[in-house]
């Protein structure tokens, strides 16, 4: 079963805009799609216009962690660290079957 990942990045307002610009580029999250076990990523910004959240789904936690290691060895951390105002946080979630038959209003 897939694992869900929520990553929280508290940034300066300028840093958040830099992240948005970066994420849409070729080295951004388009690069995630080619990694084994990738299922989806959705970027969100909080009302403060500074905190970026990534909601992701991967085949397994281990696959996501391997992907994270690959990205960390590249330029991702060099890009992120100067824009963060505090530590980022990654939380893993397992899906519950209790709401499997419900639908969103758009269905």
C-alpha atoms as a PDB file:
ATOM      1  CA  UNK A   1       0.000   0.000   0.000  1.00  0.00           C
ATOM      2  CA  UNK A   2       1.196   3.505  -0.800  1.00  0.00           C
ATOM      3  CA  UNK A   3       2.549   5.909   1.797  1.00  0.00           C
ATOM      4  CA  UNK A   4       1.584   9.568   2.027  1.00  0.00           C
ATOM      5  CA  UNK A   5       4.169  12.190   2.866  1.00  0.00           C
ATOM      6  CA  UNK A   6       3.574  15.722   4.105  1.00  0.00           C
ATOM      7  CA  UNK A   7       6.646  17.922   4.010  1.00  0.00           C
ATOM      8  CA  UNK A   8       6.476  21.350   5.675  1.00  0.00           C
ATOM      9  CA  UNK A   9       8.934  24.080   4.706  1.00  0.00           C
ATOM     10  CA  UNK A  10       8.740  27.300   6.811  1.00  0.00           C
ATOM     11  CA  UNK A  11      10.340  29.986   4.657  1.00  0.00           C
ATOM     12  CA  UNK A  12      10.627  33.685   4.269  1.00  0.00           C
ATOM     13  CA  UNK A  13       8.028  35.104   1.897  1.00  0.00           C
ATOM     14  CA  UNK A  14      10.744  35.667  -0.702  1.00  0.00           C
ATOM     15  CA  UNK A  15      12.054  32.149  -0.094  1.00  0.00           C
ATOM     16  CA  UNK A  16       8.592  30.688  -0.670  1.00  0.00           C
ATOM     17  CA  UNK A  17       8.328  32.509  -3.995  1.00  0.00           C
ATOM     18  CA  UNK A  18      11.803  31.283  -4.954  1.00  0.00           C
ATOM     19  CA  UNK A  19      10.677  27.744  -4.116  1.00  0.00           C
ATOM     20  CA  UNK A  20       7.536  28.094  -6.249  1.00  0.00           C
ATOM     21  CA  UNK A  21       9.620  29.294  -9.188  1.00  0.00           C
ATOM     22  CA  UNK A  22      12.158  26.488  -8.689  1.00  0.00           C
ATOM     23  CA  UNK A  23       9.526  23.764  -8.280  1.00  0.00           C
ATOM     24  CA  UNK A  24       8.021  24.543 -11.679  1.00  0.00           C
ATOM     25  CA  UNK A  25      11.371  24.282 -13.470  1.00  0.00           C
ATOM     26  CA  UNK A  26      13.080  21.278 -15.030  1.00  0.00           C
ATOM     27  CA  UNK A  27      15.098  20.561 -11.874  1.00  0.00           C
ATOM     28  CA  UNK A  28      12.015  20.996  -9.683  1.00  0.00           C
ATOM     29  CA  UNK A  29       9.361  18.425  -9.047  1.00  0.00           C
ATOM     30  CA  UNK A  30       9.134  17.344 -12.678  1.00  0.00           C
ATOM     31  CA  UNK A  31      12.311  15.404 -11.838  1.00  0.00           C
ATOM     32  CA  UNK A  32      10.351  13.423  -9.218  1.00  0.00           C
ATOM     33  CA  UNK A  33       8.121  11.834 -11.813  1.00  0.00           C
ATOM     34  CA  UNK A  34      10.935   9.705 -13.206  1.00  0.00           C
ATOM     35  CA  UNK A  35      11.918   8.251  -9.838  1.00  0.00           C
ATOM     36  CA  UNK A  36      10.838   4.671  -9.114  1.00  0.00           C
ATOM     37  CA  UNK A  37       7.843   4.536  -6.783  1.00  0.00           C
ATOM     38  CA  UNK A  38       6.666   8.123  -7.361  1.00  0.00           C
ATOM     39  CA  UNK A  39       2.877   8.461  -7.493  1.00  0.00           C
ATOM     40  CA  UNK A  40       2.083  12.168  -7.092  1.00  0.00           C
ATOM     41  CA  UNK A  41       3.069  15.451  -5.470  1.00  0.00           C
ATOM     42  CA  UNK A  42       0.919  18.496  -4.785  1.00  0.00           C
ATOM     43  CA  UNK A  43       2.414  21.789  -3.604  1.00  0.00           C
ATOM     44  CA  UNK A  44       0.418  24.002  -1.253  1.00  0.00           C
ATOM     45  CA  UNK A  45       1.133  27.370   0.323  1.00  0.00           C
ATOM     46  CA  UNK A  46      -0.299  28.418   3.680  1.00  0.00           C
ATOM     47  CA  UNK A  47      -2.228  31.639   4.126  1.00  0.00           C
ATOM     48  CA  UNK A  48       0.902  33.229   5.573  1.00  0.00           C
ATOM     49  CA  UNK A  49       2.441  33.071   2.043  1.00  0.00           C
ATOM     50  CA  UNK A  50       5.588  31.666   3.643  1.00  0.00           C
ATOM     51  CA  UNK A  51       5.000  28.042   4.538  1.00  0.00           C
ATOM     52  CA  UNK A  52       5.123  25.541   1.694  1.00  0.00           C
ATOM     53  CA  UNK A  53       3.622  22.088   2.114  1.00  0.00           C
ATOM     54  CA  UNK A  54       4.214  19.177  -0.213  1.00  0.00           C
ATOM     55  CA  UNK A  55       1.603  16.431  -0.151  1.00  0.00           C
ATOM     56  CA  UNK A  56       3.106  13.393  -1.814  1.00  0.00           C
ATOM     57  CA  UNK A  57       2.303   9.742  -2.376  1.00  0.00           C
ATOM     58  CA  UNK A  58       5.012   7.124  -2.888  1.00  0.00           C
ATOM     59  CA  UNK A  59       4.985   3.347  -3.224  1.00  0.00           C
ATOM     60  CA  UNK A  60       6.776   2.961   0.143  1.00  0.00           C
ATOM     61  CA  UNK A  61       8.476   5.041   2.808  1.00  0.00           C
ATOM     62  CA  UNK A  62      11.813   3.495   1.854  1.00  0.00           C
ATOM     63  CA  UNK A  63      11.388   4.544  -1.793  1.00  0.00           C
ATOM     64  CA  UNK A  64      10.643   8.117  -0.720  1.00  0.00           C
ATOM     65  CA  UNK A  65      13.652   8.177   1.601  1.00  0.00           C
ATOM     66  CA  UNK A  66      15.897   6.892  -1.197  1.00  0.00           C
ATOM     67  CA  UNK A  67      14.550   9.644  -3.464  1.00  0.00           C
ATOM     68  CA  UNK A  68      15.179  12.232  -0.733  1.00  0.00           C
ATOM     69  CA  UNK A  69      18.789  11.050  -0.389  1.00  0.00           C
ATOM     70  CA  UNK A  70      19.343  11.400  -4.132  1.00  0.00           C
ATOM     71  CA  UNK A  71      17.919  14.932  -4.105  1.00  0.00           C
ATOM     72  CA  UNK A  72      19.908  15.897  -1.001  1.00  0.00           C
ATOM     73  CA  UNK A  73      23.151  14.842  -2.701  1.00  0.00           C
ATOM     74  CA  UNK A  74      22.278  17.169  -5.566  1.00  0.00           C
ATOM     75  CA  UNK A  75      21.697  20.885  -5.190  1.00  0.00           C
ATOM     76  CA  UNK A  76      18.335  20.734  -3.378  1.00  0.00           C
ATOM     77  CA  UNK A  77      19.682  21.345   0.128  1.00  0.00           C
ATOM     78  CA  UNK A  78      21.940  24.156  -1.079  1.00  0.00           C
ATOM     79  CA  UNK A  79      18.837  25.761  -2.558  1.00  0.00           C
ATOM     80  CA  UNK A  80      16.531  25.180   0.452  1.00  0.00           C
ATOM     81  CA  UNK A  81      18.684  25.977   3.488  1.00  0.00           C
ATOM     82  CA  UNK A  82      19.164  29.730   2.877  1.00  0.00           C
ATOM     83  CA  UNK A  83      15.406  30.158   2.325  1.00  0.00           C
ATOM     84  CA  UNK A  84      14.220  28.341   5.465  1.00  0.00           C
ATOM     85  CA  UNK A  85      13.408  30.308   8.617  1.00  0.00           C
ATOM     86  CA  UNK A  86      13.369  27.104  10.707  1.00  0.00           C
ATOM     87  CA  UNK A  87      13.821  23.365  10.207  1.00  0.00           C
ATOM     88  CA  UNK A  88      11.631  21.608   7.673  1.00  0.00           C
ATOM     89  CA  UNK A  89       9.577  18.622   8.756  1.00  0.00           C
ATOM     90  CA  UNK A  90       8.583  15.415   6.971  1.00  0.00           C
ATOM     91  CA  UNK A  91       5.755  13.212   8.269  1.00  0.00           C
ATOM     92  CA  UNK A  92       4.660   9.842   6.885  1.00  0.00           C
ATOM     93  CA  UNK A  93       1.054   8.626   6.836  1.00  0.00           C
ATOM     94  CA  UNK A  94      -0.637   5.332   6.037  1.00  0.00           C
ATOM     95  CA  UNK A  95      -4.024   5.370   4.360  1.00  0.00           C
ATOM     96  CA  UNK A  96      -7.046   4.172   6.303  1.00  0.00           C
ATOM     97  CA  UNK A  97      -9.712   2.168   4.478  1.00  0.00           C
ATOM     98  CA  UNK A  98     -12.583   3.648   6.490  1.00  0.00           C
ATOM     99  CA  UNK A  99     -13.460   6.346   3.936  1.00  0.00           C
ATOM    100  CA  UNK A 100     -12.647   4.453   0.756  1.00  0.00           C
ATOM    101  CA  UNK A 101     -16.229   4.609  -0.557  1.00  0.00           C
ATOM    102  CA  UNK A 102     -16.772   8.303   0.016  1.00  0.00           C
ATOM    103  CA  UNK A 103     -16.441  10.824  -2.776  1.00  0.00           C
ATOM    104  CA  UNK A 104     -15.527  14.442  -2.957  1.00  0.00           C
ATOM    105  CA  UNK A 105     -18.157  16.960  -4.007  1.00  0.00           C
ATOM    106  CA  UNK A 106     -16.562  17.112  -7.463  1.00  0.00           C
ATOM    107  CA  UNK A 107     -17.148  13.367  -8.131  1.00  0.00           C
END
